[in-house]
Amino acid sequence: MFSFQVFILAMMTVELFGIMGLIGIKLSAIPVVILIASVGIGVEFTVHIALVSEDPAQSKSTHRGSL
């Protein structure tokens, strides 16, 4: 499952670079910060989904308390 998560994050980064290239955004300091932030949000979301799906027997209230 780990390799699938890494693949999703890598494809998200490739997609962001591709969209930036298609619409003509040059790679400078501000777009790099936006890319880093979006990858960070993607990592956080992926880790959250992985932790929730790891043990489906736990209740939602347990997960809310741990976050």
PDB file of N, CA and C in Angstrom:
ATOM      1  N   MET A   1       0.823  -1.187   0.000  1.00  0.00           N
ATOM      2  CA  MET A   1       0.000   0.000   0.000  1.00  0.00           C
ATOM      3  C   MET A   1       0.872   1.257   0.000  1.00  0.00           C
ATOM      4  N   PHE A   2       2.069   1.161   0.589  1.00  0.00           N
ATOM      5  CA  PHE A   2       2.961   2.320   0.642  1.00  0.00           C
ATOM      6  C   PHE A   2       3.354   2.781  -0.751  1.00  0.00           C
ATOM      7  N   SER A   3       3.667   1.851  -1.638  1.00  0.00           N
ATOM      8  CA  SER A   3       4.095   2.235  -2.982  1.00  0.00           C
ATOM      9  C   SER A   3       2.957   2.906  -3.741  1.00  0.00           C
ATOM     10  N   PHE A   4       1.714   2.485  -3.491  1.00  0.00           N
ATOM     11  CA  PHE A   4       0.576   3.121  -4.139  1.00  0.00           C
ATOM     12  C   PHE A   4       0.438   4.566  -3.689  1.00  0.00           C
ATOM     13  N   GLN A   5       0.648   4.835  -2.416  1.00  0.00           N
ATOM     14  CA  GLN A   5       0.552   6.199  -1.896  1.00  0.00           C
ATOM     15  C   GLN A   5       1.653   7.080  -2.470  1.00  0.00           C
ATOM     16  N   VAL A   6       2.859   6.530  -2.581  1.00  0.00           N
ATOM     17  CA  VAL A   6       3.962   7.292  -3.166  1.00  0.00           C
ATOM     18  C   VAL A   6       3.672   7.577  -4.634  1.00  0.00           C
ATOM     19  N   PHE A   7       3.100   6.597  -5.332  1.00  0.00           N
ATOM     20  CA  PHE A   7       2.738   6.788  -6.733  1.00  0.00           C
ATOM     21  C   PHE A   7       1.715   7.902  -6.886  1.00  0.00           C
ATOM     22  N   ILE A   8       0.706   7.924  -6.029  1.00  0.00           N
ATOM     23  CA  ILE A   8      -0.323   8.969  -6.100  1.00  0.00           C
ATOM     24  C   ILE A   8       0.296  10.351  -5.881  1.00  0.00           C
ATOM     25  N   LEU A   9       1.182  10.471  -4.888  1.00  0.00           N
ATOM     26  CA  LEU A   9       1.817  11.768  -4.624  1.00  0.00           C
ATOM     27  C   LEU A   9       2.726  12.190  -5.776  1.00  0.00           C
ATOM     28  N   ALA A  10       3.440  11.242  -6.358  1.00  0.00           N
ATOM     29  CA  ALA A  10       4.305  11.561  -7.500  1.00  0.00           C
ATOM     30  C   ALA A  10       3.476  12.008  -8.703  1.00  0.00           C
ATOM     31  N   MET A  11       2.365  11.332  -8.956  1.00  0.00           N
ATOM     32  CA  MET A  11       1.513  11.721 -10.071  1.00  0.00           C
ATOM     33  C   MET A  11       0.864  13.077  -9.842  1.00  0.00           C
ATOM     34  N   MET A  12       0.555  13.394  -8.588  1.00  0.00           N
ATOM     35  CA  MET A  12      -0.001  14.705  -8.279  1.00  0.00           C
ATOM     36  C   MET A  12       1.020  15.803  -8.605  1.00  0.00           C
ATOM     37  N   THR A  13       2.284  15.557  -8.263  1.00  0.00           N
ATOM     38  CA  THR A  13       3.326  16.532  -8.554  1.00  0.00           C
ATOM     39  C   THR A  13       3.527  16.686 -10.054  1.00  0.00           C
ATOM     40  N   VAL A  14       3.550  15.585 -10.782  1.00  0.00           N
ATOM     41  CA  VAL A  14       3.702  15.634 -12.240  1.00  0.00           C
ATOM     42  C   VAL A  14       2.528  16.370 -12.869  1.00  0.00           C
ATOM     43  N   GLU A  15       1.333  16.122 -12.364  1.00  0.00           N
ATOM     44  CA  GLU A  15       0.149  16.798 -12.881  1.00  0.00           C
ATOM     45  C   GLU A  15       0.229  18.306 -12.641  1.00  0.00           C
ATOM     46  N   LEU A  16       0.677  18.712 -11.458  1.00  0.00           N
ATOM     47  CA  LEU A  16       0.795  20.144 -11.170  1.00  0.00           C
ATOM     48  C   LEU A  16       1.806  20.817 -12.092  1.00  0.00           C
ATOM     49  N   PHE A  17       2.959  20.158 -12.307  1.00  0.00           N
ATOM     50  CA  PHE A  17       3.954  20.721 -13.218  1.00  0.00           C
ATOM     51  C   PHE A  17       3.408  20.783 -14.641  1.00  0.00           C
ATOM     52  N   GLY A  18       2.668  19.750 -15.052  1.00  0.00           N
ATOM     53  CA  GLY A  18       2.097  19.734 -16.401  1.00  0.00           C
ATOM     54  C   GLY A  18       1.084  20.841 -16.615  1.00  0.00           C
ATOM     55  N   ILE A  19       0.215  21.045 -15.647  1.00  0.00           N
ATOM     56  CA  ILE A  19      -0.788  22.109 -15.761  1.00  0.00           C
ATOM     57  C   ILE A  19      -0.109  23.477 -15.777  1.00  0.00           C
ATOM     58  N   MET A  20       0.931  23.626 -14.943  1.00  0.00           N
ATOM     59  CA  MET A  20       1.665  24.906 -14.947  1.00  0.00           C
ATOM     60  C   MET A  20       2.292  25.160 -16.310  1.00  0.00           C
ATOM     61  N   GLY A  21       2.838  24.122 -16.920  1.00  0.00           N
ATOM     62  CA  GLY A  21       3.432  24.276 -18.246  1.00  0.00           C
ATOM     63  C   GLY A  21       2.397  24.584 -19.311  1.00  0.00           C
ATOM     64  N   LEU A  22       1.232  23.950 -19.231  1.00  0.00           N
ATOM     65  CA  LEU A  22       0.187  24.171 -20.231  1.00  0.00           C
ATOM     66  C   LEU A  22      -0.363  25.586 -20.194  1.00  0.00           C
ATOM     67  N   ILE A  23      -0.509  26.148 -19.002  1.00  0.00           N
ATOM     68  CA  ILE A  23      -1.072  27.491 -18.932  1.00  0.00           C
ATOM     69  C   ILE A  23      -0.007  28.578 -18.909  1.00  0.00           C
ATOM     70  N   GLY A  24       1.264  28.170 -19.011  1.00  0.00           N
ATOM     71  CA  GLY A  24       2.339  29.140 -19.189  1.00  0.00           C
ATOM     72  C   GLY A  24       2.887  29.776 -17.930  1.00  0.00           C
ATOM     73  N   ILE A  25       2.760  29.128 -16.793  1.00  0.00           N
ATOM     74  CA  ILE A  25       3.312  29.674 -15.553  1.00  0.00           C
ATOM     75  C   ILE A  25       4.796  29.331 -15.494  1.00  0.00           C
ATOM     76  N   LYS A  26       5.628  30.337 -15.367  1.00  0.00           N
ATOM     77  CA  LYS A  26       7.079  30.123 -15.253  1.00  0.00           C
ATOM     78  C   LYS A  26       7.421  29.689 -13.841  1.00  0.00           C
ATOM     79  N   LEU A  27       8.440  28.852 -13.720  1.00  0.00           N
ATOM     80  CA  LEU A  27       8.850  28.335 -12.423  1.00  0.00           C
ATOM     81  C   LEU A  27       9.731  29.376 -11.728  1.00  0.00           C
ATOM     82  N   SER A  28       9.159  30.044 -10.730  1.00  0.00           N
ATOM     83  CA  SER A  28       9.899  31.031  -9.935  1.00  0.00           C
ATOM     84  C   SER A  28       9.596  30.756  -8.465  1.00  0.00           C
ATOM     85  N   ALA A  29       9.924  31.683  -7.606  1.00  0.00           N
ATOM     86  CA  ALA A  29       9.818  31.451  -6.163  1.00  0.00           C
ATOM     87  C   ALA A  29       8.379  31.218  -5.708  1.00  0.00           C
ATOM     88  N   ILE A  30       7.448  32.018  -6.163  1.00  0.00           N
ATOM     89  CA  ILE A  30       6.062  31.896  -5.697  1.00  0.00           C
ATOM     90  C   ILE A  30       5.413  30.594  -6.171  1.00  0.00           C
ATOM     91  N   PRO A  31       5.515  30.213  -7.446  1.00  0.00           N
ATOM     92  CA  PRO A  31       4.948  28.915  -7.842  1.00  0.00           C
ATOM     93  C   PRO A  31       5.606  27.724  -7.141  1.00  0.00           C
ATOM     94  N   VAL A  32       6.897  27.826  -6.828  1.00  0.00           N
ATOM     95  CA  VAL A  32       7.561  26.738  -6.109  1.00  0.00           C
ATOM     96  C   VAL A  32       6.977  26.601  -4.700  1.00  0.00           C
ATOM     97  N   VAL A  33       6.707  27.712  -4.037  1.00  0.00           N
ATOM     98  CA  VAL A  33       6.098  27.661  -2.706  1.00  0.00           C
ATOM     99  C   VAL A  33       4.707  27.043  -2.793  1.00  0.00           C
ATOM    100  N   ILE A  34       3.949  27.388  -3.820  1.00  0.00           N
ATOM    101  CA  ILE A  34       2.619  26.818  -4.005  1.00  0.00           C
ATOM    102  C   ILE A  34       2.715  25.320  -4.262  1.00  0.00           C
ATOM    103  N   LEU A  35       3.688  24.892  -5.062  1.00  0.00           N
ATOM    104  CA  LEU A  35       3.878  23.465  -5.323  1.00  0.00           C
ATOM    105  C   LEU A  35       4.231  22.716  -4.045  1.00  0.00           C
ATOM    106  N   ILE A  36       5.126  23.269  -3.256  1.00  0.00           N
ATOM    107  CA  ILE A  36       5.528  22.621  -2.003  1.00  0.00           C
ATOM    108  C   ILE A  36       4.340  22.523  -1.054  1.00  0.00           C
ATOM    109  N   ALA A  37       3.551  23.583  -0.967  1.00  0.00           N
ATOM    110  CA  ALA A  37       2.376  23.555  -0.089  1.00  0.00           C
ATOM    111  C   ALA A  37       1.357  22.527  -0.566  1.00  0.00           C
ATOM    112  N   SER A  38       1.137  22.442  -1.870  1.00  0.00           N
ATOM    113  CA  SER A  38       0.152  21.482  -2.377  1.00  0.00           C
ATOM    114  C   SER A  38       0.619  20.054  -2.179  1.00  0.00           C
ATOM    115  N   VAL A  39       1.903  19.783  -2.331  1.00  0.00           N
ATOM    116  CA  VAL A  39       2.424  18.440  -2.052  1.00  0.00           C
ATOM    117  C   VAL A  39       2.306  18.135  -0.561  1.00  0.00           C
ATOM    118  N   GLY A  40       2.558  19.105   0.293  1.00  0.00           N
ATOM    119  CA  GLY A  40       2.405  18.906   1.734  1.00  0.00           C
ATOM    120  C   GLY A  40       0.975  18.593   2.115  1.00  0.00           C
ATOM    121  N   ILE A  41       0.028  19.280   1.511  1.00  0.00           N
ATOM    122  CA  ILE A  41      -1.384  18.996   1.774  1.00  0.00           C
ATOM    123  C   ILE A  41      -1.734  17.603   1.266  1.00  0.00           C
ATOM    124  N   GLY A  42      -1.186  17.227   0.114  1.00  0.00           N
ATOM    125  CA  GLY A  42      -1.425  15.890  -0.418  1.00  0.00           C
ATOM    126  C   GLY A  42      -0.864  14.808   0.483  1.00  0.00           C
ATOM    127  N   VAL A  43       0.316  15.036   1.037  1.00  0.00           N
ATOM    128  CA  VAL A  43       0.919  14.068   1.958  1.00  0.00           C
ATOM    129  C   VAL A  43       0.058  13.949   3.212  1.00  0.00           C
ATOM    130  N   GLU A  44      -0.369  15.064   3.752  1.00  0.00           N
ATOM    131  CA  GLU A  44      -1.195  15.041   4.960  1.00  0.00           C
ATOM    132  C   GLU A  44      -2.504  14.292   4.707  1.00  0.00           C
ATOM    133  N   PHE A  45      -3.122  14.538   3.573  1.00  0.00           N
ATOM    134  CA  PHE A  45      -4.370  13.865   3.235  1.00  0.00           C
ATOM    135  C   PHE A  45      -4.155  12.366   3.053  1.00  0.00           C
ATOM    136  N   THR A  46      -3.071  11.998   2.375  1.00  0.00           N
ATOM    137  CA  THR A  46      -2.777  10.582   2.145  1.00  0.00           C
ATOM    138  C   THR A  46      -2.506   9.860   3.457  1.00  0.00           C
ATOM    139  N   VAL A  47      -1.752  10.482   4.353  1.00  0.00           N
ATOM    140  CA  VAL A  47      -1.474   9.866   5.650  1.00  0.00           C
ATOM    141  C   VAL A  47      -2.764   9.723   6.450  1.00  0.00           C
ATOM    142  N   HIS A  48      -3.618  10.722   6.395  1.00  0.00           N
ATOM    143  CA  HIS A  48      -4.891  10.655   7.113  1.00  0.00           C
ATOM    144  C   HIS A  48      -5.739   9.492   6.598  1.00  0.00           C
ATOM    145  N   ILE A  49      -5.860   9.354   5.291  1.00  0.00           N
ATOM    146  CA  ILE A  49      -6.653   8.271   4.710  1.00  0.00           C
ATOM    147  C   ILE A  49      -6.035   6.922   5.046  1.00  0.00           C
ATOM    148  N   ALA A  50      -4.702   6.831   5.002  1.00  0.00           N
ATOM    149  CA  ALA A  50      -4.036   5.566   5.310  1.00  0.00           C
ATOM    150  C   ALA A  50      -4.265   5.168   6.766  1.00  0.00           C
ATOM    151  N   LEU A  51      -4.200   6.127   7.679  1.00  0.00           N
ATOM    152  CA  LEU A  51      -4.408   5.808   9.089  1.00  0.00           C
ATOM    153  C   LEU A  51      -5.847   5.411   9.384  1.00  0.00           C
ATOM    154  N   VAL A  52      -6.790   6.058   8.746  1.00  0.00           N
ATOM    155  CA  VAL A  52      -8.192   5.739   8.975  1.00  0.00           C
ATOM    156  C   VAL A  52      -8.523   4.364   8.399  1.00  0.00           C
ATOM    157  N   SER A  53      -7.981   4.048   7.241  1.00  0.00           N
ATOM    158  CA  SER A  53      -8.298   2.765   6.619  1.00  0.00           C
ATOM    159  C   SER A  53      -7.480   1.618   7.204  1.00  0.00           C
ATOM    160  N   GLU A  54      -6.480   1.918   8.008  1.00  0.00           N
ATOM    161  CA  GLU A  54      -5.635   0.873   8.580  1.00  0.00           C
ATOM    162  C   GLU A  54      -6.399  -0.003   9.561  1.00  0.00           C
ATOM    163  N   ASP A  55      -7.239   0.586  10.388  1.00  0.00           N
ATOM    164  CA  ASP A  55      -7.997  -0.173  11.376  1.00  0.00           C
ATOM    165  C   ASP A  55      -9.467   0.247  11.323  1.00  0.00           C
ATOM    166  N   PRO A  56     -10.254  -0.369  10.435  1.00  0.00           N
ATOM    167  CA  PRO A  56     -11.653   0.055  10.303  1.00  0.00           C
ATOM    168  C   PRO A  56     -12.524  -0.321  11.497  1.00  0.00           C
ATOM    169  N   ALA A  57     -12.008  -1.152  12.407  1.00  0.00           N
ATOM    170  CA  ALA A  57     -12.804  -1.559  13.565  1.00  0.00           C
ATOM    171  C   ALA A  57     -12.945  -0.434  14.591  1.00  0.00           C
ATOM    172  N   GLN A  58     -12.036   0.519  14.565  1.00  0.00           N
ATOM    173  CA  GLN A  58     -12.121   1.625  15.529  1.00  0.00           C
ATOM    174  C   GLN A  58     -13.251   2.560  15.140  1.00  0.00           C
ATOM    175  N   SER A  59     -13.851   3.167  16.137  1.00  0.00           N
ATOM    176  CA  SER A  59     -14.948   4.086  15.861  1.00  0.00           C
ATOM    177  C   SER A  59     -14.404   5.437  15.410  1.00  0.00           C
ATOM    178  N   LYS A  60     -15.289   6.236  14.826  1.00  0.00           N
ATOM    179  CA  LYS A  60     -14.890   7.562  14.363  1.00  0.00           C
ATOM    180  C   LYS A  60     -14.506   8.466  15.520  1.00  0.00           C
ATOM    181  N   SER A  61     -15.137   8.291  16.651  1.00  0.00           N
ATOM    182  CA  SER A  61     -14.825   9.140  17.803  1.00  0.00           C
ATOM    183  C   SER A  61     -13.406   8.885  18.287  1.00  0.00           C
ATOM    184  N   THR A  62     -12.910   7.667  18.185  1.00  0.00           N
ATOM    185  CA  THR A  62     -11.540   7.358  18.581  1.00  0.00           C
ATOM    186  C   THR A  62     -10.552   8.079  17.678  1.00  0.00           C
ATOM    187  N   HIS A  63     -10.855   8.089  16.369  1.00  0.00           N
ATOM    188  CA  HIS A  63      -9.961   8.767  15.431  1.00  0.00           C
ATOM    189  C   HIS A  63      -9.983  10.274  15.653  1.00  0.00           C
ATOM    190  N   ARG A  64     -11.134  10.826  15.951  1.00  0.00           N
ATOM    191  CA  ARG A  64     -11.198  12.264  16.190  1.00  0.00           C
ATOM    192  C   ARG A  64     -10.400  12.652  17.414  1.00  0.00           C
ATOM    193  N   GLY A  65     -10.449  11.826  18.442  1.00  0.00           N
ATOM    194  CA  GLY A  65      -9.699  12.119  19.661  1.00  0.00           C
ATOM    195  C   GLY A  65      -8.202  12.038  19.458  1.00  0.00           C
ATOM    196  N   SER A  66      -7.744  11.155  18.540  1.00  0.00           N
ATOM    197  CA  SER A  66      -6.313  10.999  18.330  1.00  0.00           C
ATOM    198  C   SER A  66      -5.741  12.071  17.429  1.00  0.00           C
ATOM    199  N   LEU A  67      -6.587  12.713  16.618  1.00  0.00           N
ATOM    200  CA  LEU A  67      -6.080  13.749  15.721  1.00  0.00           C
ATOM    201  C   LEU A  67      -6.083  15.049  16.455  1.00  0.00           C
TER     202      LEU A  67
END
